[in-house]
Amino acid sequence: MRAGDCLDVYNDGHDNMSARTPVRVGCRASNAYMHVNRVSTTTGAGSSCDSGPGFTWWRKSGADGVERTLCLDRVFQVGQCFPAQVKGAANADLTVVWDCGASTVPRAGQSILRITGYYRAPAAGTNWTCPAGRGERFWYWPVNNGRSIICASAA
């Protein structure tokens, strides 16, 4: 794996990756869920990865036997779903991808939200809201270190 690669793996909602071995895919592919933004062979490199909404890291042994830390950020695509706590202050691990039609969620009290938009963050002080249908409830999260915003509604 190299920086710039996109992978078909994601957090499965139970603090595990969805597959033991990631597969490289095109970054615009429908199964591109994570983007590798840095690779390191240094022990403890996970602590130097970006953190915040949509960021995670994965320590993985390569085919050559070398342990690597993959610093990852979520590839957000309209239509993908994730579980979230939406009563009170909204909270979600945005590295989790969840089946939009699932009848269960990983943790009690969570709902399934569908990404309805991915936008460049508005300039500070700009009055902006997520586009939504009449009467439709939506939630949003700043991602990519505040450079972008995802909007979501109930799946």
C-alpha atoms as a PDB file:
ATOM      1  CA  MET A   1       0.000   0.000   0.000  1.00  0.00           C
ATOM      2  CA  ARG A   2       1.162   3.520  -0.778  1.00  0.00           C
ATOM      3  CA  ALA A   3      -0.022   6.995   0.121  1.00  0.00           C
ATOM      4  CA  GLY A   4      -2.734   7.958  -2.362  1.00  0.00           C
ATOM      5  CA  ASP A   5      -4.188   4.438  -2.669  1.00  0.00           C
ATOM      6  CA  CYS A   6      -7.857   3.862  -1.969  1.00  0.00           C
ATOM      7  CA  LEU A   7      -9.037   0.672  -0.272  1.00  0.00           C
ATOM      8  CA  ASP A   8     -12.200  -1.411  -0.115  1.00  0.00           C
ATOM      9  CA  VAL A   9     -12.151  -1.721   3.698  1.00  0.00           C
ATOM     10  CA  TYR A  10     -13.934   0.198   6.441  1.00  0.00           C
ATOM     11  CA  ASN A  11     -14.663   0.039  10.159  1.00  0.00           C
ATOM     12  CA  ASP A  12     -17.353  -2.627  10.583  1.00  0.00           C
ATOM     13  CA  GLY A  13     -18.978  -0.922  13.578  1.00  0.00           C
ATOM     14  CA  HIS A  14     -17.447  -3.360  16.039  1.00  0.00           C
ATOM     15  CA  ASP A  15     -13.979  -1.736  16.039  1.00  0.00           C
ATOM     16  CA  ASN A  16     -12.623  -4.088  13.383  1.00  0.00           C
ATOM     17  CA  MET A  17     -11.837  -3.599   9.729  1.00  0.00           C
ATOM     18  CA  SER A  18     -14.276  -5.202   7.293  1.00  0.00           C
ATOM     19  CA  ALA A  19     -11.609  -7.508   5.810  1.00  0.00           C
ATOM     20  CA  ARG A  20      -8.285  -8.977   6.919  1.00  0.00           C
ATOM     21  CA  THR A  21      -6.564  -7.902   3.733  1.00  0.00           C
ATOM     22  CA  PRO A  22      -7.366  -4.621   1.993  1.00  0.00           C
ATOM     23  CA  VAL A  23      -7.731  -4.478  -1.771  1.00  0.00           C
ATOM     24  CA  ARG A  24      -6.683  -1.397  -3.738  1.00  0.00           C
ATOM     25  CA  VAL A  25      -9.523   0.087  -5.763  1.00  0.00           C
ATOM     26  CA  GLY A  26      -9.978   3.236  -7.808  1.00  0.00           C
ATOM     27  CA  CYS A  27     -10.717   6.209  -5.569  1.00  0.00           C
ATOM     28  CA  ARG A  28     -13.970   6.906  -7.443  1.00  0.00           C
ATOM     29  CA  ALA A  29     -15.126   3.264  -7.275  1.00  0.00           C
ATOM     30  CA  SER A  30     -18.340   2.572  -5.361  1.00  0.00           C
ATOM     31  CA  ASN A  31     -16.385   0.256  -3.037  1.00  0.00           C
ATOM     32  CA  ALA A  32     -13.668   2.811  -2.209  1.00  0.00           C
ATOM     33  CA  TYR A  33     -14.167   3.455   1.507  1.00  0.00           C
ATOM     34  CA  MET A  34     -10.730   4.505   2.784  1.00  0.00           C
ATOM     35  CA  HIS A  35      -7.900   6.608   1.370  1.00  0.00           C
ATOM     36  CA  VAL A  36      -4.301   6.007   2.485  1.00  0.00           C
ATOM     37  CA  ASN A  37      -2.841   9.415   3.333  1.00  0.00           C
ATOM     38  CA  ARG A  38       0.422   8.160   4.870  1.00  0.00           C
ATOM     39  CA  VAL A  39       2.312   4.882   5.360  1.00  0.00           C
ATOM     40  CA  SER A  40       4.924   4.341   8.050  1.00  0.00           C
ATOM     41  CA  THR A  41       7.039   1.427   9.273  1.00  0.00           C
ATOM     42  CA  THR A  42       7.882   3.215  12.531  1.00  0.00           C
ATOM     43  CA  THR A  43       6.535   1.614  15.724  1.00  0.00           C
ATOM     44  CA  GLY A  44       3.844   3.782  17.308  1.00  0.00           C
ATOM     45  CA  ALA A  45       3.211   5.624  14.041  1.00  0.00           C
ATOM     46  CA  GLY A  46      -0.554   5.485  14.634  1.00  0.00           C
ATOM     47  CA  SER A  47      -0.198   8.363  17.066  1.00  0.00           C
ATOM     48  CA  SER A  48       1.171  10.563  14.259  1.00  0.00           C
ATOM     49  CA  CYS A  49      -1.855   9.918  11.999  1.00  0.00           C
ATOM     50  CA  ASP A  50      -4.542  12.598  11.668  1.00  0.00           C
ATOM     51  CA  SER A  51      -7.415  12.199  14.088  1.00  0.00           C
ATOM     52  CA  GLY A  52     -10.967  13.468  14.114  1.00  0.00           C
ATOM     53  CA  PRO A  53     -14.126  12.655  12.154  1.00  0.00           C
ATOM     54  CA  GLY A  54     -13.381  10.237   9.313  1.00  0.00           C
ATOM     55  CA  PHE A  55      -9.747   9.506  10.254  1.00  0.00           C
ATOM     56  CA  THR A  56      -8.298   6.258  11.595  1.00  0.00           C
ATOM     57  CA  TRP A  57      -5.186   4.114  11.336  1.00  0.00           C
ATOM     58  CA  TRP A  58      -4.527   0.425  10.768  1.00  0.00           C
ATOM     59  CA  ARG A  59      -1.369  -1.518  11.639  1.00  0.00           C
ATOM     60  CA  LYS A  60      -0.969  -4.195   8.976  1.00  0.00           C
ATOM     61  CA  SER A  61       1.736  -6.689   8.013  1.00  0.00           C
ATOM     62  CA  GLY A  62       2.553  -6.602   4.306  1.00  0.00           C
ATOM     63  CA  ALA A  63       3.269  -9.546   1.980  1.00  0.00           C
ATOM     64  CA  ASP A  64       6.957  -8.788   2.591  1.00  0.00           C
ATOM     65  CA  GLY A  65       6.505  -9.353   6.354  1.00  0.00           C
ATOM     66  CA  VAL A  66       7.084  -5.683   7.227  1.00  0.00           C
ATOM     67  CA  GLU A  67       4.607  -4.136   9.697  1.00  0.00           C
ATOM     68  CA  ARG A  68       3.190  -0.891   8.355  1.00  0.00           C
ATOM     69  CA  THR A  69       0.860   1.707   9.810  1.00  0.00           C
ATOM     70  CA  LEU A  70      -1.652   2.968   7.278  1.00  0.00           C
ATOM     71  CA  CYS A  71      -3.008   6.415   8.122  1.00  0.00           C
ATOM     72  CA  LEU A  72      -6.493   6.424   6.622  1.00  0.00           C
ATOM     73  CA  ASP A  73      -9.254   8.883   5.892  1.00  0.00           C
ATOM     74  CA  ARG A  74     -12.783   7.997   4.832  1.00  0.00           C
ATOM     75  CA  VAL A  75     -13.821   8.348   1.199  1.00  0.00           C
ATOM     76  CA  PHE A  76     -17.317   9.818   1.581  1.00  0.00           C
ATOM     77  CA  GLN A  77     -19.815   9.029  -1.160  1.00  0.00           C
ATOM     78  CA  VAL A  78     -23.434  10.101  -1.431  1.00  0.00           C
ATOM     79  CA  GLY A  79     -25.708   7.140  -0.699  1.00  0.00           C
ATOM     80  CA  GLN A  80     -23.404   5.384   1.767  1.00  0.00           C
ATOM     81  CA  CYS A  81     -24.753   4.843   5.269  1.00  0.00           C
ATOM     82  CA  PHE A  82     -23.335   4.866   8.776  1.00  0.00           C
ATOM     83  CA  PRO A  83     -24.722   4.433  12.288  1.00  0.00           C
ATOM     84  CA  ALA A  84     -25.027   7.508  14.501  1.00  0.00           C
ATOM     85  CA  GLN A  85     -26.396   8.607  17.835  1.00  0.00           C
ATOM     86  CA  VAL A  86     -28.768  11.448  16.936  1.00  0.00           C
ATOM     87  CA  LYS A  87     -30.738  12.084  20.124  1.00  0.00           C
ATOM     88  CA  GLY A  88     -29.237  15.155  21.759  1.00  0.00           C
ATOM     89  CA  ALA A  89     -25.823  16.054  20.340  1.00  0.00           C
ATOM     90  CA  ALA A  90     -25.214  13.993  17.195  1.00  0.00           C
ATOM     91  CA  ASN A  91     -22.271  11.612  17.450  1.00  0.00           C
ATOM     92  CA  ALA A  92     -20.874   9.122  14.939  1.00  0.00           C
ATOM     93  CA  ASP A  93     -17.688   7.257  14.086  1.00  0.00           C
ATOM     94  CA  LEU A  94     -17.505   8.295  10.451  1.00  0.00           C
ATOM     95  CA  THR A  95     -15.089   5.482   9.565  1.00  0.00           C
ATOM     96  CA  VAL A  96     -17.971   2.998   9.975  1.00  0.00           C
ATOM     97  CA  VAL A  97     -19.914   1.965   6.875  1.00  0.00           C
ATOM     98  CA  TRP A  98     -23.277   0.307   7.481  1.00  0.00           C
ATOM     99  CA  ASP A  99     -25.881  -1.341   5.271  1.00  0.00           C
ATOM    100  CA  CYS A 100     -28.573   1.263   4.614  1.00  0.00           C
ATOM    101  CA  GLY A 101     -31.314  -1.360   4.849  1.00  0.00           C
ATOM    102  CA  ALA A 102     -30.054  -3.088   7.991  1.00  0.00           C
ATOM    103  CA  SER A 103     -32.563  -3.753  10.757  1.00  0.00           C
ATOM    104  CA  THR A 104     -29.902  -3.565  13.477  1.00  0.00           C
ATOM    105  CA  VAL A 105     -27.126  -1.148  14.414  1.00  0.00           C
ATOM    106  CA  PRO A 106     -23.839  -1.823  16.259  1.00  0.00           C
ATOM    107  CA  ARG A 107     -24.798  -0.074  19.508  1.00  0.00           C
ATOM    108  CA  ALA A 108     -28.060   0.650  21.320  1.00  0.00           C
ATOM    109  CA  GLY A 109     -29.579   4.044  20.640  1.00  0.00           C
ATOM    110  CA  GLN A 110     -28.046   4.440  17.199  1.00  0.00           C
ATOM    111  CA  SER A 111     -29.870   5.227  13.981  1.00  0.00           C
ATOM    112  CA  ILE A 112     -28.793   4.606  10.393  1.00  0.00           C
ATOM    113  CA  LEU A 113     -28.017   7.761   8.430  1.00  0.00           C
ATOM    114  CA  ARG A 114     -27.453   8.088   4.674  1.00  0.00           C
ATOM    115  CA  ILE A 115     -24.938  10.560   3.254  1.00  0.00           C
ATOM    116  CA  THR A 116     -26.942  13.030   1.162  1.00  0.00           C
ATOM    117  CA  GLY A 117     -24.140  15.388   0.226  1.00  0.00           C
ATOM    118  CA  TYR A 118     -20.417  16.051   0.415  1.00  0.00           C
ATOM    119  CA  TYR A 119     -19.452  19.715   0.159  1.00  0.00           C
ATOM    120  CA  ARG A 120     -16.540  22.103   0.468  1.00  0.00           C
ATOM    121  CA  ALA A 121     -16.859  23.782   3.867  1.00  0.00           C
ATOM    122  CA  PRO A 122     -18.326  27.278   3.631  1.00  0.00           C
ATOM    123  CA  ALA A 123     -16.191  30.260   4.585  1.00  0.00           C
ATOM    124  CA  ALA A 124     -16.229  31.131   8.284  1.00  0.00           C
ATOM    125  CA  GLY A 125     -19.283  33.185   9.194  1.00  0.00           C
ATOM    126  CA  THR A 126     -21.268  32.028   6.159  1.00  0.00           C
ATOM    127  CA  ASN A 127     -24.910  31.144   6.858  1.00  0.00           C
ATOM    128  CA  TRP A 128     -25.231  27.703   5.233  1.00  0.00           C
ATOM    129  CA  THR A 129     -27.301  24.574   5.824  1.00  0.00           C
ATOM    130  CA  CYS A 130     -27.461  21.177   4.211  1.00  0.00           C
ATOM    131  CA  PRO A 131     -29.936  20.946   1.345  1.00  0.00           C
ATOM    132  CA  ALA A 132     -32.924  18.900   2.519  1.00  0.00           C
ATOM    133  CA  GLY A 133     -36.412  18.071   1.374  1.00  0.00           C
ATOM    134  CA  ARG A 134     -39.347  19.867   2.921  1.00  0.00           C
ATOM    135  CA  GLY A 135     -39.620  18.826   6.563  1.00  0.00           C
ATOM    136  CA  GLU A 136     -36.675  16.445   6.244  1.00  0.00           C
ATOM    137  CA  ARG A 137     -34.351  16.286   9.263  1.00  0.00           C
ATOM    138  CA  PHE A 138     -30.627  16.355   8.507  1.00  0.00           C
ATOM    139  CA  TRP A 139     -27.339  16.234  10.357  1.00  0.00           C
ATOM    140  CA  TYR A 140     -23.897  17.351   9.275  1.00  0.00           C
ATOM    141  CA  TRP A 141     -20.290  16.828  10.253  1.00  0.00           C
ATOM    142  CA  PRO A 142     -17.174  18.791   9.339  1.00  0.00           C
ATOM    143  CA  VAL A 143     -14.617  16.330   7.910  1.00  0.00           C
ATOM    144  CA  ASN A 144     -11.140  16.425   6.317  1.00  0.00           C
ATOM    145  CA  ASN A 145      -9.845  18.683   9.090  1.00  0.00           C
ATOM    146  CA  GLY A 146     -12.711  21.117   8.532  1.00  0.00           C
ATOM    147  CA  ARG A 147     -12.183  21.496   4.772  1.00  0.00           C
ATOM    148  CA  SER A 148     -15.378  19.599   3.859  1.00  0.00           C
ATOM    149  CA  ILE A 149     -18.827  18.844   5.242  1.00  0.00           C
ATOM    150  CA  ILE A 150     -20.996  15.751   4.888  1.00  0.00           C
ATOM    151  CA  CYS A 151     -24.747  15.998   5.199  1.00  0.00           C
ATOM    152  CA  ALA A 152     -26.900  13.026   6.195  1.00  0.00           C
ATOM    153  CA  SER A 153     -30.529  12.156   6.812  1.00  0.00           C
ATOM    154  CA  ALA A 154     -32.325   9.091   8.149  1.00  0.00           C
ATOM    155  CA  ALA A 155     -31.893   6.084   5.865  1.00  0.00           C
END
